[in-house]
Amino acid sequence: MNTEANFDTLYLVRHLDLRYGGLSTYEINVLLYLSQLLSVYDENSIADWGYYFTHNEYGAPLSTAVIKQIEYLTKTGILSQDESKYVTLYDTLQGFEQFEHLTVFEWRKKYLNASIILSLSKTIPQISNALQCEPGIRKLAKIKRTSTLYAYSDTKHEEVFQDFHIIKSIITTNPGDVLVPASVWIDHLIKTSESQSL
């Protein structure tokens, strides 16, 4: 079991299923990928996140670890599938509050919460479409290549890190905050996506 993917999946669905009537496998992957990239904005490494995302023939971002945990949580009755959406079964979550407050997961919640809040001000399809213009996905889609996103990144050369560097130079207040930079970055990607569709 990938404990990070297990925690992230359950945390995300638990906080958003009432708002959206559940989340699809792809929507979970999108918001967890955004969370991972926000942790990179805060200068954590991709490897620190505990699992990777890929671009493959089914699209991007997709994580095998996350998909396996969705299947596991459904099989064990913690999540319930309603058509293509997953919701939490609240009577099975009695032990999750203790699980949720384990020290090992505390640092992740900053980035998960930023993705959750962002998904309340922008729709998940907007975020998903925006992330298709994120440099890692865009580059692999252009050459139609299946690969792990940022698994072996050199922070000096990857465009996404250059994006983050520019945003940091513009937003100088509240240096520990990731929500405002996330919103600025997603807005930029949304505009990029809209201009490409013209």
Protein backbone atom coordinates (compact mmCIF):
# COMPACT_ATOMS: atom_id res chain seq x y z
CA MET A 1 0.00 0.00 0.00
CA ASN A 2 1.18 3.51 -0.79
CA THR A 3 0.24 5.29 2.45
CA GLU A 4 0.68 8.77 0.97
CA ALA A 5 -1.66 8.04 -1.95
CA ASN A 6 -4.11 6.38 0.44
CA PHE A 7 -4.15 9.39 2.76
CA ASP A 8 -4.32 11.98 -0.03
CA THR A 9 -7.15 10.23 -1.84
CA LEU A 10 -9.28 9.85 1.26
CA TYR A 11 -8.53 13.37 2.52
CA LEU A 12 -9.47 14.91 -0.81
CA VAL A 13 -12.68 12.94 -1.37
CA ARG A 14 -13.77 13.47 2.22
CA HIS A 15 -13.46 17.25 1.88
CA LEU A 16 -15.05 17.61 -1.56
CA ASP A 17 -17.61 14.85 -2.08
CA LEU A 18 -20.49 16.85 -0.59
CA ARG A 19 -19.63 19.87 -2.72
CA TYR A 20 -19.40 17.94 -5.99
CA GLY A 21 -21.52 14.87 -5.24
CA GLY A 22 -18.37 12.78 -5.41
CA LEU A 23 -15.20 12.90 -7.48
CA SER A 24 -14.20 10.82 -10.48
CA THR A 25 -10.89 8.97 -10.69
CA TYR A 26 -9.58 11.59 -13.09
CA GLU A 27 -10.71 14.52 -10.92
CA ILE A 28 -8.92 13.00 -7.92
CA ASN A 29 -5.75 12.63 -9.99
CA VAL A 30 -5.96 16.22 -11.26
CA LEU A 31 -6.27 17.76 -7.80
CA LEU A 32 -3.57 15.54 -6.30
CA TYR A 33 -1.21 16.42 -9.15
CA LEU A 34 -1.86 20.09 -8.48
CA SER A 35 -1.11 19.45 -4.79
CA GLN A 36 2.18 17.77 -5.71
CA LEU A 37 3.22 20.72 -7.89
CA LEU A 38 2.33 23.18 -5.13
CA SER A 39 4.66 21.27 -2.82
CA VAL A 40 7.37 21.72 -5.47
CA TYR A 41 6.59 25.46 -5.49
CA ASP A 42 7.49 25.33 -1.80
CA GLU A 43 10.83 23.75 -2.78
CA ASN A 44 10.03 20.19 -1.80
CA SER A 45 11.25 17.59 -4.26
CA ILE A 46 8.93 15.54 -6.45
CA ALA A 47 10.20 12.41 -4.68
CA ASP A 48 9.10 13.83 -1.30
CA TRP A 49 5.49 13.50 -2.41
CA GLY A 50 5.73 9.71 -2.28
CA TYR A 51 4.27 8.83 -5.67
CA TYR A 52 4.45 10.01 -9.26
CA PHE A 53 2.09 10.97 -12.06
CA THR A 54 2.40 10.00 -15.71
CA HIS A 55 1.34 11.10 -19.15
CA ASN A 56 0.17 8.07 -21.11
CA GLU A 57 -2.24 7.02 -23.84
CA TYR A 58 -5.19 7.65 -21.49
CA GLY A 59 -4.15 11.23 -20.76
CA ALA A 60 -2.56 13.10 -17.89
CA PRO A 61 -2.06 13.48 -15.05
CA LEU A 62 -2.59 9.89 -13.89
CA SER A 63 -1.00 8.06 -10.98
CA THR A 64 -1.02 4.28 -10.71
CA ALA A 65 -0.60 4.62 -6.94
CA VAL A 66 -3.69 6.83 -6.64
CA ILE A 67 -5.80 4.59 -8.91
CA LYS A 68 -4.82 1.53 -6.84
CA GLN A 69 -5.79 3.30 -3.63
CA ILE A 70 -9.17 4.34 -5.04
CA GLU A 71 -9.77 0.67 -5.87
CA TYR A 72 -8.56 -0.44 -2.42
CA LEU A 73 -10.68 2.13 -0.53
CA THR A 74 -13.73 1.10 -2.57
CA LYS A 75 -13.10 -2.60 -2.04
CA THR A 76 -12.78 -2.10 1.74
CA GLY A 77 -16.00 -0.06 1.88
CA ILE A 78 -14.46 3.28 2.82
CA LEU A 79 -15.36 4.81 -0.53
CA SER A 80 -18.52 4.09 -2.44
CA GLN A 81 -18.80 4.35 -6.21
CA ASP A 82 -21.90 5.99 -7.67
CA GLU A 83 -21.63 5.69 -11.44
CA SER A 84 -18.26 7.35 -12.17
CA LYS A 85 -18.02 9.28 -8.89
CA TYR A 86 -16.55 8.25 -5.54
CA VAL A 87 -17.90 9.39 -2.19
CA THR A 88 -16.88 8.63 1.38
CA LEU A 89 -19.07 6.43 3.55
CA TYR A 90 -19.01 8.51 6.71
CA ASP A 91 -19.88 5.69 9.10
CA THR A 92 -16.62 3.97 8.07
CA LEU A 93 -14.46 7.03 8.84
CA GLN A 94 -14.39 6.78 12.63
CA GLY A 95 -10.66 6.11 12.69
CA PHE A 96 -9.74 8.61 10.00
CA GLU A 97 -9.50 11.62 12.34
CA GLN A 98 -6.63 9.95 14.21
CA PHE A 99 -5.07 8.89 10.90
CA GLU A 100 -5.51 12.43 9.58
CA HIS A 101 -3.52 13.97 12.43
CA LEU A 102 -0.48 11.71 12.22
CA THR A 103 2.64 13.88 12.12
CA VAL A 104 3.92 12.19 8.97
CA PHE A 105 0.99 13.60 6.96
CA GLU A 106 0.77 17.11 8.46
CA TRP A 107 3.04 18.83 5.94
CA ARG A 108 0.98 17.53 2.98
CA LYS A 109 -2.27 19.08 4.15
CA LYS A 110 -1.07 22.58 3.26
CA TYR A 111 -0.97 21.62 -0.43
CA LEU A 112 -4.05 19.41 -0.37
CA ASN A 113 -6.02 22.22 1.28
CA ALA A 114 -4.80 24.72 -1.32
CA SER A 115 -6.08 22.44 -4.11
CA ILE A 116 -9.37 21.96 -2.28
CA ILE A 117 -9.89 25.70 -1.81
CA LEU A 118 -8.88 26.41 -5.40
CA SER A 119 -11.45 23.88 -6.62
CA LEU A 120 -14.14 25.85 -4.79
CA SER A 121 -13.33 29.08 -6.66
CA LYS A 122 -12.63 27.46 -10.03
CA THR A 123 -14.31 24.39 -11.47
CA ILE A 124 -12.39 21.13 -11.63
CA PRO A 125 -12.73 21.09 -15.45
CA GLN A 126 -11.13 24.56 -15.53
CA ILE A 127 -8.23 23.31 -13.39
CA SER A 128 -7.92 20.16 -15.51
CA ASN A 129 -7.86 22.13 -18.77
CA ALA A 130 -5.34 24.55 -17.28
CA LEU A 131 -3.01 21.74 -16.26
CA GLN A 132 -2.93 20.47 -19.84
CA CYS A 133 -0.91 23.65 -20.53
CA GLU A 134 1.43 22.98 -17.61
CA PRO A 135 4.93 22.57 -19.11
CA GLY A 136 5.47 18.91 -18.18
CA ILE A 137 2.17 17.66 -19.59
CA ARG A 138 2.31 20.01 -22.59
CA LYS A 139 5.76 18.81 -23.60
CA LEU A 140 4.88 15.10 -23.41
CA ALA A 141 1.54 15.62 -25.19
CA LYS A 142 3.28 17.47 -28.01
CA ILE A 143 5.65 14.59 -28.71
CA LYS A 144 2.98 11.96 -27.84
CA ARG A 145 5.27 10.30 -25.33
CA THR A 146 4.37 8.12 -22.34
CA SER A 147 6.51 9.11 -19.39
CA THR A 148 6.54 9.96 -15.70
CA LEU A 149 6.06 13.65 -15.05
CA TYR A 150 9.09 15.29 -13.42
CA ALA A 151 10.53 12.04 -12.06
CA TYR A 152 14.07 13.07 -12.87
CA SER A 153 13.71 16.82 -12.97
CA ASP A 154 16.56 19.26 -13.02
CA THR A 155 15.11 22.33 -11.33
CA LYS A 156 17.38 24.62 -13.32
CA HIS A 157 15.97 23.56 -16.67
CA GLU A 158 12.34 22.52 -16.24
CA GLU A 159 9.94 25.24 -17.40
CA VAL A 160 7.54 24.71 -14.50
CA PHE A 161 10.27 25.67 -12.04
CA GLN A 162 10.95 28.77 -14.11
CA ASP A 163 7.23 29.61 -13.90
CA PHE A 164 7.35 29.23 -10.14
CA HIS A 165 10.47 31.39 -9.89
CA ILE A 166 8.72 34.20 -11.80
CA ILE A 167 5.63 33.95 -9.59
CA LYS A 168 7.79 34.10 -6.45
CA SER A 169 9.51 37.23 -7.74
CA ILE A 170 6.09 38.89 -8.25
CA ILE A 171 4.33 37.72 -5.06
CA THR A 172 6.55 38.82 -2.19
CA THR A 173 3.98 39.00 0.62
CA ASN A 174 3.14 36.00 2.82
CA PRO A 175 6.05 33.86 1.60
CA GLY A 176 4.66 30.70 3.22
CA ASP A 177 1.35 30.94 1.37
CA VAL A 178 0.74 28.75 -1.68
CA LEU A 179 -2.92 29.54 -2.35
CA VAL A 180 -2.39 32.94 -3.99
CA PRO A 181 0.51 31.70 -6.16
CA ALA A 182 -1.59 28.64 -7.12
CA SER A 183 -4.48 30.86 -8.17
CA VAL A 184 -2.20 33.16 -10.19
CA TRP A 185 -0.55 30.19 -11.90
CA ILE A 186 -3.83 28.43 -12.74
CA ASP A 187 -5.28 31.70 -14.09
CA HIS A 188 -2.21 32.04 -16.31
CA LEU A 189 -2.62 28.46 -17.57
CA ILE A 190 -6.36 29.00 -18.15
CA LYS A 191 -5.56 32.01 -20.35
CA THR A 192 -2.95 29.97 -22.19
CA SER A 193 -5.51 27.18 -22.74
CA GLU A 194 -8.14 29.64 -23.99
CA SER A 195 -5.71 31.31 -26.40
CA GLN A 196 -4.70 27.93 -27.85
CA SER A 197 -8.34 27.02 -28.48
CA LEU A 198 -9.01 30.15 -30.54
